[in-house]
All heavy atoms as atom14 arrays in JSON, in Angstrom:
{
  "sequence": "YWQTVGGIPTAYAPIAHHDPTAGWQTYTNSVGGYSFKYPSDWQAATSN",
  "atom14_mask": [
    [1, 1, 1, 1, 1, 1, 1, 1, 1, 1, 1, 1, 0, 0],
    [1, 1, 1, 1, 1, 1, 1, 1, 1, 1, 1, 1, 1, 1],
    [1, 1, 1, 1, 1, 1, 1, 1, 1, 0, 0, 0, 0, 0],
    [1, 1, 1, 1, 1, 1, 1, 0, 0, 0, 0, 0, 0, 0],
    [1, 1, 1, 1, 1, 1, 1, 0, 0, 0, 0, 0, 0, 0],
    [1, 1, 1, 1, 0, 0, 0, 0, 0, 0, 0, 0, 0, 0],
    [1, 1, 1, 1, 0, 0, 0, 0, 0, 0, 0, 0, 0, 0],
    [1, 1, 1, 1, 1, 1, 1, 1, 0, 0, 0, 0, 0, 0],
    [1, 1, 1, 1, 1, 1, 1, 0, 0, 0, 0, 0, 0, 0],
    [1, 1, 1, 1, 1, 1, 1, 0, 0, 0, 0, 0, 0, 0],
    [1, 1, 1, 1, 1, 0, 0, 0, 0, 0, 0, 0, 0, 0],
    [1, 1, 1, 1, 1, 1, 1, 1, 1, 1, 1, 1, 0, 0],
    [1, 1, 1, 1, 1, 0, 0, 0, 0, 0, 0, 0, 0, 0],
    [1, 1, 1, 1, 1, 1, 1, 0, 0, 0, 0, 0, 0, 0],
    [1, 1, 1, 1, 1, 1, 1, 1, 0, 0, 0, 0, 0, 0],
    [1, 1, 1, 1, 1, 0, 0, 0, 0, 0, 0, 0, 0, 0],
    [1, 1, 1, 1, 1, 1, 1, 1, 1, 1, 0, 0, 0, 0],
    [1, 1, 1, 1, 1, 1, 1, 1, 1, 1, 0, 0, 0, 0],
    [1, 1, 1, 1, 1, 1, 1, 1, 0, 0, 0, 0, 0, 0],
    [1, 1, 1, 1, 1, 1, 1, 0, 0, 0, 0, 0, 0, 0],
    [1, 1, 1, 1, 1, 1, 1, 0, 0, 0, 0, 0, 0, 0],
    [1, 1, 1, 1, 1, 0, 0, 0, 0, 0, 0, 0, 0, 0],
    [1, 1, 1, 1, 0, 0, 0, 0, 0, 0, 0, 0, 0, 0],
    [1, 1, 1, 1, 1, 1, 1, 1, 1, 1, 1, 1, 1, 1],
    [1, 1, 1, 1, 1, 1, 1, 1, 1, 0, 0, 0, 0, 0],
    [1, 1, 1, 1, 1, 1, 1, 0, 0, 0, 0, 0, 0, 0],
    [1, 1, 1, 1, 1, 1, 1, 1, 1, 1, 1, 1, 0, 0],
    [1, 1, 1, 1, 1, 1, 1, 0, 0, 0, 0, 0, 0, 0],
    [1, 1, 1, 1, 1, 1, 1, 1, 0, 0, 0, 0, 0, 0],
    [1, 1, 1, 1, 1, 1, 0, 0, 0, 0, 0, 0, 0, 0],
    [1, 1, 1, 1, 1, 1, 1, 0, 0, 0, 0, 0, 0, 0],
    [1, 1, 1, 1, 0, 0, 0, 0, 0, 0, 0, 0, 0, 0],
    [1, 1, 1, 1, 0, 0, 0, 0, 0, 0, 0, 0, 0, 0],
    [1, 1, 1, 1, 1, 1, 1, 1, 1, 1, 1, 1, 0, 0],
    [1, 1, 1, 1, 1, 1, 0, 0, 0, 0, 0, 0, 0, 0],
    [1, 1, 1, 1, 1, 1, 1, 1, 1, 1, 1, 0, 0, 0],
    [1, 1, 1, 1, 1, 1, 1, 1, 1, 0, 0, 0, 0, 0],
    [1, 1, 1, 1, 1, 1, 1, 1, 1, 1, 1, 1, 0, 0],
    [1, 1, 1, 1, 1, 1, 1, 0, 0, 0, 0, 0, 0, 0],
    [1, 1, 1, 1, 1, 1, 0, 0, 0, 0, 0, 0, 0, 0],
    [1, 1, 1, 1, 1, 1, 1, 1, 0, 0, 0, 0, 0, 0],
    [1, 1, 1, 1, 1, 1, 1, 1, 1, 1, 1, 1, 1, 1],
    [1, 1, 1, 1, 1, 1, 1, 1, 1, 0, 0, 0, 0, 0],
    [1, 1, 1, 1, 1, 0, 0, 0, 0, 0, 0, 0, 0, 0],
    [1, 1, 1, 1, 1, 0, 0, 0, 0, 0, 0, 0, 0, 0],
    [1, 1, 1, 1, 1, 1, 1, 0, 0, 0, 0, 0, 0, 0],
    [1, 1, 1, 1, 1, 1, 0, 0, 0, 0, 0, 0, 0, 0],
    [1, 1, 1, 1, 1, 1, 1, 1, 0, 0, 0, 0, 0, 0]
  ],
  "atom14_positions": [
    [[11.36, 5.44, 32.53], [11.0, 4.65, 31.34], [9.8, 5.26, 30.64], [9.78, 5.39, 29.41], [10.69, 3.21, 31.75], [10.24, 2.34, 30.58], [11.19, 1.73, 29.76], [8.89, 2.15, 30.33], [10.79, 0.96, 28.69], [8.48, 1.38, 29.26], [9.43, 0.78, 28.44], [9.03, 0.02, 27.39], [0.0, 0.0, 0.0], [0.0, 0.0, 0.0]],
    [[8.79, 5.68, 31.41], [7.58, 6.23, 30.8], [7.89, 7.52, 30.06], [7.36, 7.77, 28.97], [6.53, 6.48, 31.88], [5.26, 7.04, 31.31], [4.24, 6.35, 30.74], [4.91, 8.42, 31.25], [3.27, 7.2, 30.33], [3.64, 8.49, 30.61], [5.52, 9.6, 31.65], [2.98, 9.69, 30.39], [4.87, 10.8, 31.42], [3.61, 10.85, 30.8]],
    [[8.77, 8.35, 30.65], [9.07, 9.63, 30.03], [9.97, 9.5, 28.81], [9.84, 10.25, 27.86], [9.75, 10.56, 31.06], [8.81, 11.03, 32.17], [9.52, 11.91, 33.18], [10.76, 11.99, 33.19], [8.75, 12.58, 34.03], [0.0, 0.0, 0.0], [0.0, 0.0, 0.0], [0.0, 0.0, 0.0], [0.0, 0.0, 0.0], [0.0, 0.0, 0.0]],
    [[10.89, 8.54, 28.82], [11.86, 8.44, 27.73], [11.49, 7.4, 26.68], [11.89, 7.53, 25.53], [13.25, 8.07, 28.29], [13.18, 6.83, 28.98], [13.75, 9.15, 29.23], [0.0, 0.0, 0.0], [0.0, 0.0, 0.0], [0.0, 0.0, 0.0], [0.0, 0.0, 0.0], [0.0, 0.0, 0.0], [0.0, 0.0, 0.0], [0.0, 0.0, 0.0]],
    [[10.75, 6.39, 27.07], [10.42, 5.32, 26.12], [8.91, 5.15, 25.99], [8.35, 5.27, 24.91], [11.06, 3.98, 26.54], [10.7, 2.88, 25.55], [12.56, 4.14, 26.65], [0.0, 0.0, 0.0], [0.0, 0.0, 0.0], [0.0, 0.0, 0.0], [0.0, 0.0, 0.0], [0.0, 0.0, 0.0], [0.0, 0.0, 0.0], [0.0, 0.0, 0.0]],
    [[8.26, 4.86, 27.11], [6.84, 4.56, 27.06], [5.99, 5.71, 26.6], [4.93, 5.54, 25.99], [0.0, 0.0, 0.0], [0.0, 0.0, 0.0], [0.0, 0.0, 0.0], [0.0, 0.0, 0.0], [0.0, 0.0, 0.0], [0.0, 0.0, 0.0], [0.0, 0.0, 0.0], [0.0, 0.0, 0.0], [0.0, 0.0, 0.0], [0.0, 0.0, 0.0]],
    [[6.42, 6.95, 26.87], [5.61, 8.11, 26.49], [5.79, 8.53, 25.06], [5.1, 9.42, 24.57], [0.0, 0.0, 0.0], [0.0, 0.0, 0.0], [0.0, 0.0, 0.0], [0.0, 0.0, 0.0], [0.0, 0.0, 0.0], [0.0, 0.0, 0.0], [0.0, 0.0, 0.0], [0.0, 0.0, 0.0], [0.0, 0.0, 0.0], [0.0, 0.0, 0.0]],
    [[6.74, 7.93, 24.32], [7.0, 8.29, 22.93], [6.34, 7.25, 22.02], [6.6, 6.06, 22.14], [8.52, 8.32, 22.66], [9.19, 9.33, 23.59], [8.79, 8.65, 21.2], [10.69, 9.37, 23.46], [0.0, 0.0, 0.0], [0.0, 0.0, 0.0], [0.0, 0.0, 0.0], [0.0, 0.0, 0.0], [0.0, 0.0, 0.0], [0.0, 0.0, 0.0]],
    [[5.46, 7.68, 21.12], [4.81, 6.71, 20.23], [5.85, 5.96, 19.4], [6.86, 6.52, 18.99], [3.94, 7.6, 19.33], [3.79, 8.89, 20.08], [5.03, 9.05, 20.88], [0.0, 0.0, 0.0], [0.0, 0.0, 0.0], [0.0, 0.0, 0.0], [0.0, 0.0, 0.0], [0.0, 0.0, 0.0], [0.0, 0.0, 0.0], [0.0, 0.0, 0.0]],
    [[5.58, 4.7, 19.19], [6.48, 3.89, 18.38], [6.44, 4.36, 16.94], [5.37, 4.54, 16.37], [6.06, 2.41, 18.45], [6.08, 2.01, 19.82], [7.02, 1.54, 17.65], [0.0, 0.0, 0.0], [0.0, 0.0, 0.0], [0.0, 0.0, 0.0], [0.0, 0.0, 0.0], [0.0, 0.0, 0.0], [0.0, 0.0, 0.0], [0.0, 0.0, 0.0]],
    [[7.58, 4.57, 16.34], [7.65, 5.03, 14.96], [7.68, 3.83, 14.03], [8.49, 2.92, 14.22], [8.87, 5.91, 14.76], [0.0, 0.0, 0.0], [0.0, 0.0, 0.0], [0.0, 0.0, 0.0], [0.0, 0.0, 0.0], [0.0, 0.0, 0.0], [0.0, 0.0, 0.0], [0.0, 0.0, 0.0], [0.0, 0.0, 0.0], [0.0, 0.0, 0.0]],
    [[6.83, 3.83, 13.02], [6.8, 2.74, 12.05], [7.33, 3.25, 10.72], [7.03, 4.37, 10.3], [5.37, 2.23, 11.87], [4.81, 1.55, 13.1], [4.01, 2.27, 13.99], [5.09, 0.22, 13.38], [3.49, 1.67, 15.13], [4.58, -0.39, 14.51], [3.78, 0.34, 15.38], [3.27, -0.26, 16.51], [0.0, 0.0, 0.0], [0.0, 0.0, 0.0]],
    [[8.11, 2.42, 10.07], [8.64, 2.79, 8.77], [7.49, 2.83, 7.76], [6.63, 1.96, 7.76], [9.68, 1.77, 8.31], [0.0, 0.0, 0.0], [0.0, 0.0, 0.0], [0.0, 0.0, 0.0], [0.0, 0.0, 0.0], [0.0, 0.0, 0.0], [0.0, 0.0, 0.0], [0.0, 0.0, 0.0], [0.0, 0.0, 0.0], [0.0, 0.0, 0.0]],
    [[7.43, 3.86, 6.93], [6.34, 3.95, 5.94], [6.4, 2.77, 4.98], [7.48, 2.27, 4.62], [6.62, 5.27, 5.23], [8.08, 5.53, 5.45], [8.38, 4.95, 6.81], [0.0, 0.0, 0.0], [0.0, 0.0, 0.0], [0.0, 0.0, 0.0], [0.0, 0.0, 0.0], [0.0, 0.0, 0.0], [0.0, 0.0, 0.0], [0.0, 0.0, 0.0]],
    [[5.22, 2.32, 4.56], [5.13, 1.2, 3.61], [5.47, 1.72, 2.21], [4.87, 2.67, 1.73], [3.72, 0.58, 3.61], [3.41, 0.04, 5.02], [3.62, -0.52, 2.58], [2.0, -0.49, 5.16], [0.0, 0.0, 0.0], [0.0, 0.0, 0.0], [0.0, 0.0, 0.0], [0.0, 0.0, 0.0], [0.0, 0.0, 0.0], [0.0, 0.0, 0.0]],
    [[6.45, 1.08, 1.59], [6.84, 1.51, 0.25], [5.87, 0.93, -0.77], [5.61, -0.27, -0.78], [8.26, 1.04, -0.05], [0.0, 0.0, 0.0], [0.0, 0.0, 0.0], [0.0, 0.0, 0.0], [0.0, 0.0, 0.0], [0.0, 0.0, 0.0], [0.0, 0.0, 0.0], [0.0, 0.0, 0.0], [0.0, 0.0, 0.0], [0.0, 0.0, 0.0]],
    [[5.32, 1.79, -1.61], [4.41, 1.35, -2.66], [5.15, 1.38, -3.99], [5.55, 2.43, -4.46], [3.17, 2.26, -2.71], [2.34, 2.19, -1.47], [1.47, 1.15, -1.2], [2.25, 3.04, -0.41], [0.89, 1.35, -0.05], [1.33, 2.5, 0.45], [0.0, 0.0, 0.0], [0.0, 0.0, 0.0], [0.0, 0.0, 0.0], [0.0, 0.0, 0.0]],
    [[5.31, 0.21, -4.57], [6.04, 0.1, -5.83], [5.14, 0.47, -6.99], [4.01, -0.05, -7.12], [6.56, -1.33, -6.0], [7.19, -1.58, -7.34], [8.34, -0.94, -7.75], [6.8, -2.38, -8.38], [8.65, -1.33, -8.98], [7.74, -2.21, -9.38], [0.0, 0.0, 0.0], [0.0, 0.0, 0.0], [0.0, 0.0, 0.0], [0.0, 0.0, 0.0]],
    [[5.58, 1.4, -7.82], [4.82, 1.79, -9.01], [5.35, 0.98, -10.19], [6.48, 1.22, -10.65], [5.0, 3.29, -9.26], [4.22, 3.74, -10.48], [3.49, 2.92, -11.08], [4.36, 4.94, -10.86], [0.0, 0.0, 0.0], [0.0, 0.0, 0.0], [0.0, 0.0, 0.0], [0.0, 0.0, 0.0], [0.0, 0.0, 0.0], [0.0, 0.0, 0.0]],
    [[4.57, 0.03, -10.69], [5.05, -0.81, -11.8], [5.26, -0.03, -13.1], [5.89, -0.53, -14.02], [3.95, -1.87, -11.95], [2.74, -1.25, -11.36], [3.22, -0.36, -10.25], [0.0, 0.0, 0.0], [0.0, 0.0, 0.0], [0.0, 0.0, 0.0], [0.0, 0.0, 0.0], [0.0, 0.0, 0.0], [0.0, 0.0, 0.0], [0.0, 0.0, 0.0]],
    [[4.71, 1.18, -13.2], [4.88, 1.98, -14.42], [5.93, 3.07, -14.25], [6.05, 3.95, -15.1], [3.54, 2.62, -14.83], [3.12, 3.54, -13.81], [2.48, 1.56, -15.02], [0.0, 0.0, 0.0], [0.0, 0.0, 0.0], [0.0, 0.0, 0.0], [0.0, 0.0, 0.0], [0.0, 0.0, 0.0], [0.0, 0.0, 0.0], [0.0, 0.0, 0.0]],
    [[6.7, 3.02, -13.15], [7.77, 4.02, -12.97], [8.78, 3.92, -14.1], [9.22, 2.82, -14.46], [8.44, 3.81, -11.62], [0.0, 0.0, 0.0], [0.0, 0.0, 0.0], [0.0, 0.0, 0.0], [0.0, 0.0, 0.0], [0.0, 0.0, 0.0], [0.0, 0.0, 0.0], [0.0, 0.0, 0.0], [0.0, 0.0, 0.0], [0.0, 0.0, 0.0]],
    [[9.15, 5.02, -14.67], [10.11, 5.03, -15.78], [9.48, 4.82, -17.14], [10.19, 4.81, -18.14], [0.0, 0.0, 0.0], [0.0, 0.0, 0.0], [0.0, 0.0, 0.0], [0.0, 0.0, 0.0], [0.0, 0.0, 0.0], [0.0, 0.0, 0.0], [0.0, 0.0, 0.0], [0.0, 0.0, 0.0], [0.0, 0.0, 0.0], [0.0, 0.0, 0.0]],
    [[8.16, 4.62, -17.2], [7.5, 4.43, -18.49], [7.34, 5.77, -19.21], [7.38, 6.84, -18.6], [6.13, 3.79, -18.29], [6.18, 2.32, -17.98], [7.19, 1.63, -17.39], [5.13, 1.37, -18.23], [6.86, 0.31, -17.26], [5.61, 0.11, -17.76], [3.87, 1.43, -18.79], [4.85, -1.05, -17.85], [3.1, 0.27, -18.88], [3.6, -0.96, -18.42]],
    [[7.15, 5.68, -20.52], [6.9, 6.86, -21.34], [5.38, 7.14, -21.4], [4.57, 6.25, -21.15], [7.43, 6.64, -22.76], [8.9, 6.21, -22.82], [9.82, 7.29, -22.31], [9.66, 8.46, -22.61], [10.81, 6.88, -21.51], [0.0, 0.0, 0.0], [0.0, 0.0, 0.0], [0.0, 0.0, 0.0], [0.0, 0.0, 0.0], [0.0, 0.0, 0.0]],
    [[5.03, 8.36, -21.74], [3.62, 8.74, -21.88], [3.33, 9.13, -23.31], [4.04, 9.95, -23.91], [3.25, 9.91, -20.94], [3.48, 9.53, -19.59], [1.79, 10.3, -21.11], [0.0, 0.0, 0.0], [0.0, 0.0, 0.0], [0.0, 0.0, 0.0], [0.0, 0.0, 0.0], [0.0, 0.0, 0.0], [0.0, 0.0, 0.0], [0.0, 0.0, 0.0]],
    [[2.28, 8.52, -23.86], [1.82, 8.87, -25.21], [0.52, 9.64, -25.08], [-0.38, 9.24, -24.32], [1.61, 7.62, -26.06], [0.89, 7.91, -27.37], [1.61, 8.27, -28.5], [-0.5, 7.84, -27.45], [0.95, 8.55, -29.7], [-1.16, 8.12, -28.63], [-0.44, 8.48, -29.76], [-1.09, 8.77, -30.94], [0.0, 0.0, 0.0], [0.0, 0.0, 0.0]],
    [[0.38, 10.73, -25.84], [-0.86, 11.51, -25.83], [-1.32, 11.71, -27.27], [-0.53, 12.11, -28.14], [-0.64, 12.88, -25.17], [-0.21, 12.69, -23.81], [-1.93, 13.69, -25.16], [0.0, 0.0, 0.0], [0.0, 0.0, 0.0], [0.0, 0.0, 0.0], [0.0, 0.0, 0.0], [0.0, 0.0, 0.0], [0.0, 0.0, 0.0], [0.0, 0.0, 0.0]],
    [[-2.6, 11.44, -27.51], [-3.2, 11.69, -28.81], [-4.19, 12.83, -28.65], [-5.27, 12.65, -28.09], [-3.89, 10.42, -29.32], [-4.36, 10.55, -30.77], [-5.14, 11.44, -31.08], [-3.9, 9.65, -31.62], [0.0, 0.0, 0.0], [0.0, 0.0, 0.0], [0.0, 0.0, 0.0], [0.0, 0.0, 0.0], [0.0, 0.0, 0.0], [0.0, 0.0, 0.0]],
    [[-3.81, 14.02, -29.12], [-4.65, 15.19, -28.94], [-5.89, 15.16, -29.83], [-6.9, 15.77, -29.5], [-3.83, 16.46, -29.22], [-3.28, 16.42, -30.53], [0.0, 0.0, 0.0], [0.0, 0.0, 0.0], [0.0, 0.0, 0.0], [0.0, 0.0, 0.0], [0.0, 0.0, 0.0], [0.0, 0.0, 0.0], [0.0, 0.0, 0.0], [0.0, 0.0, 0.0]],
    [[-5.83, 14.44, -30.94], [-6.99, 14.35, -31.84], [-8.04, 13.42, -31.24], [-9.23, 13.75, -31.18], [-6.57, 13.86, -33.23], [-7.8, 13.73, -34.14], [-5.54, 14.8, -33.84], [0.0, 0.0, 0.0], [0.0, 0.0, 0.0], [0.0, 0.0, 0.0], [0.0, 0.0, 0.0], [0.0, 0.0, 0.0], [0.0, 0.0, 0.0], [0.0, 0.0, 0.0]],
    [[-7.61, 12.26, -30.77], [-8.54, 11.32, -30.15], [-8.91, 11.71, -28.73], [-9.94, 11.29, -28.2], [0.0, 0.0, 0.0], [0.0, 0.0, 0.0], [0.0, 0.0, 0.0], [0.0, 0.0, 0.0], [0.0, 0.0, 0.0], [0.0, 0.0, 0.0], [0.0, 0.0, 0.0], [0.0, 0.0, 0.0], [0.0, 0.0, 0.0], [0.0, 0.0, 0.0]],
    [[-8.06, 12.51, -28.09], [-8.35, 12.96, -26.72], [-8.09, 11.9, -25.67], [-8.91, 11.7, -24.77], [0.0, 0.0, 0.0], [0.0, 0.0, 0.0], [0.0, 0.0, 0.0], [0.0, 0.0, 0.0], [0.0, 0.0, 0.0], [0.0, 0.0, 0.0], [0.0, 0.0, 0.0], [0.0, 0.0, 0.0], [0.0, 0.0, 0.0], [0.0, 0.0, 0.0]],
    [[-6.95, 11.24, -25.75], [-6.63, 10.21, -24.75], [-5.11, 10.13, -24.56], [-4.33, 10.67, -25.37], [-7.18, 8.85, -25.16], [-6.64, 8.32, -26.48], [-5.43, 7.62, -26.54], [-7.35, 8.51, -27.66], [-4.93, 7.13, -27.74], [-6.86, 8.03, -28.87], [-5.66, 7.36, -28.91], [-5.16, 6.88, -30.11], [0.0, 0.0, 0.0], [0.0, 0.0, 0.0]],
    [[-4.71, 9.46, -23.51], [-3.28, 9.24, -23.25], [-3.11, 7.93, -22.51], [-4.06, 7.4, -21.92], [-2.67, 10.39, -22.44], [-3.17, 10.38, -21.11], [0.0, 0.0, 0.0], [0.0, 0.0, 0.0], [0.0, 0.0, 0.0], [0.0, 0.0, 0.0], [0.0, 0.0, 0.0], [0.0, 0.0, 0.0], [0.0, 0.0, 0.0], [0.0, 0.0, 0.0]],
    [[-1.9, 7.42, -22.52], [-1.57, 6.2, -21.77], [-0.05, 6.14, -21.59], [0.71, 6.82, -22.29], [-2.08, 4.94, -22.48], [-1.54, 4.76, -23.87], [-0.31, 4.15, -24.11], [-2.29, 5.19, -24.97], [0.18, 3.98, -25.4], [-1.8, 5.03, -26.26], [-0.58, 4.44, -26.49], [0.0, 0.0, 0.0], [0.0, 0.0, 0.0], [0.0, 0.0, 0.0]],
    [[0.39, 5.31, -20.65], [1.81, 5.06, -20.46], [2.18, 3.74, -21.11], [1.34, 2.82, -21.17], [2.16, 5.04, -18.97], [2.09, 6.39, -18.28], [2.56, 6.28, -16.83], [2.58, 7.63, -16.15], [3.11, 7.53, -14.76], [0.0, 0.0, 0.0], [0.0, 0.0, 0.0], [0.0, 0.0, 0.0], [0.0, 0.0, 0.0], [0.0, 0.0, 0.0]],
    [[3.43, 3.62, -21.54], [3.88, 2.38, -22.15], [5.32, 2.1, -21.71], [6.07, 3.02, -21.35], [3.77, 2.45, -23.67], [4.59, 3.54, -24.33], [5.86, 3.28, -24.83], [4.09, 4.84, -24.45], [6.63, 4.27, -25.43], [4.84, 5.84, -25.03], [6.09, 5.55, -25.53], [6.84, 6.54, -26.12], [0.0, 0.0, 0.0], [0.0, 0.0, 0.0]],
    [[5.73, 0.81, -21.7], [7.07, 0.44, -21.2], [8.19, 1.15, -21.95], [8.05, 1.49, -23.13], [7.12, -1.07, -21.41], [5.68, -1.5, -21.44], [4.94, -0.38, -22.09], [0.0, 0.0, 0.0], [0.0, 0.0, 0.0], [0.0, 0.0, 0.0], [0.0, 0.0, 0.0], [0.0, 0.0, 0.0], [0.0, 0.0, 0.0], [0.0, 0.0, 0.0]],
    [[9.29, 1.35, -21.26], [10.42, 2.07, -21.85], [11.04, 1.3, -23.01], [11.73, 1.89, -23.87], [11.48, 2.36, -20.79], [11.92, 1.14, -20.17], [0.0, 0.0, 0.0], [0.0, 0.0, 0.0], [0.0, 0.0, 0.0], [0.0, 0.0, 0.0], [0.0, 0.0, 0.0], [0.0, 0.0, 0.0], [0.0, 0.0, 0.0], [0.0, 0.0, 0.0]],
    [[10.83, -0.04, -23.07], [11.37, -0.81, -24.18], [10.32, -1.04, -25.27], [10.52, -1.87, -26.16], [11.94, -2.15, -23.7], [10.92, -2.99, -22.95], [9.84, -2.44, -22.59], [11.19, -4.19, -22.72], [0.0, 0.0, 0.0], [0.0, 0.0, 0.0], [0.0, 0.0, 0.0], [0.0, 0.0, 0.0], [0.0, 0.0, 0.0], [0.0, 0.0, 0.0]],
    [[9.2, -0.33, -25.22], [8.19, -0.34, -26.28], [8.27, 0.97, -27.05], [8.94, 1.92, -26.64], [6.79, -0.5, -25.69], [6.42, -1.89, -25.24], [7.27, -2.89, -24.9], [5.11, -2.39, -25.05], [6.58, -4.01, -24.51], [5.24, -3.73, -24.6], [3.83, -1.87, -25.2], [4.13, -4.54, -24.31], [2.73, -2.67, -24.92], [2.88, -3.99, -24.48]],
    [[7.54, 1.0, -28.14], [7.37, 2.21, -28.92], [5.87, 2.51, -29.03], [5.04, 1.61, -28.95], [7.97, 2.05, -30.33], [9.43, 1.63, -30.37], [10.33, 2.67, -29.77], [10.12, 3.87, -29.93], [11.38, 2.22, -29.06], [0.0, 0.0, 0.0], [0.0, 0.0, 0.0], [0.0, 0.0, 0.0], [0.0, 0.0, 0.0], [0.0, 0.0, 0.0]],
    [[5.54, 3.78, -29.19], [4.15, 4.19, -29.41], [4.16, 5.31, -30.43], [5.0, 6.22, -30.37], [3.5, 4.65, -28.12], [0.0, 0.0, 0.0], [0.0, 0.0, 0.0], [0.0, 0.0, 0.0], [0.0, 0.0, 0.0], [0.0, 0.0, 0.0], [0.0, 0.0, 0.0], [0.0, 0.0, 0.0], [0.0, 0.0, 0.0], [0.0, 0.0, 0.0]],
    [[3.24, 5.23, -31.38], [3.22, 6.22, -32.46], [1.8, 6.41, -32.95], [0.94, 5.52, -32.82], [4.12, 5.77, -33.62], [0.0, 0.0, 0.0], [0.0, 0.0, 0.0], [0.0, 0.0, 0.0], [0.0, 0.0, 0.0], [0.0, 0.0, 0.0], [0.0, 0.0, 0.0], [0.0, 0.0, 0.0], [0.0, 0.0, 0.0], [0.0, 0.0, 0.0]],
    [[1.53, 7.56, -33.5], [0.24, 7.84, -34.11], [0.21, 7.16, -35.48], [1.2, 7.21, -36.23], [0.02, 9.35, -34.28], [0.08, 9.96, -32.99], [-1.33, 9.64, -34.91], [0.0, 0.0, 0.0], [0.0, 0.0, 0.0], [0.0, 0.0, 0.0], [0.0, 0.0, 0.0], [0.0, 0.0, 0.0], [0.0, 0.0, 0.0], [0.0, 0.0, 0.0]],
    [[-0.9, 6.52, -35.79], [-1.02, 5.81, -37.07], [-0.88, 6.78, -38.25], [-1.42, 7.89, -38.23], [-2.38, 5.1, -37.15], [-2.62, 4.6, -38.44], [0.0, 0.0, 0.0], [0.0, 0.0, 0.0], [0.0, 0.0, 0.0], [0.0, 0.0, 0.0], [0.0, 0.0, 0.0], [0.0, 0.0, 0.0], [0.0, 0.0, 0.0], [0.0, 0.0, 0.0]],
    [[-0.16, 6.33, -39.24], [0.01, 7.16, -40.45], [-1.27, 7.25, -41.26], [-1.41, 8.17, -42.09], [1.13, 6.58, -41.33], [2.5, 6.71, -40.67], [2.74, 7.65, -39.92], [3.38, 5.75, -40.94], [0.0, 0.0, 0.0], [0.0, 0.0, 0.0], [0.0, 0.0, 0.0], [0.0, 0.0, 0.0], [0.0, 0.0, 0.0], [0.0, 0.0, 0.0]]
  ]
}
């Protein structure tokens, strides 16, 4: 038992970390020098 079971560390399943921004788009403003992500059902544009 010790060699086959007790001597083997118990394996734990990794904790899944949900990214709430997965699949979002990225907007970058090179003039202002900033960026951010926004939902896929939103729009983002540079002001005219």
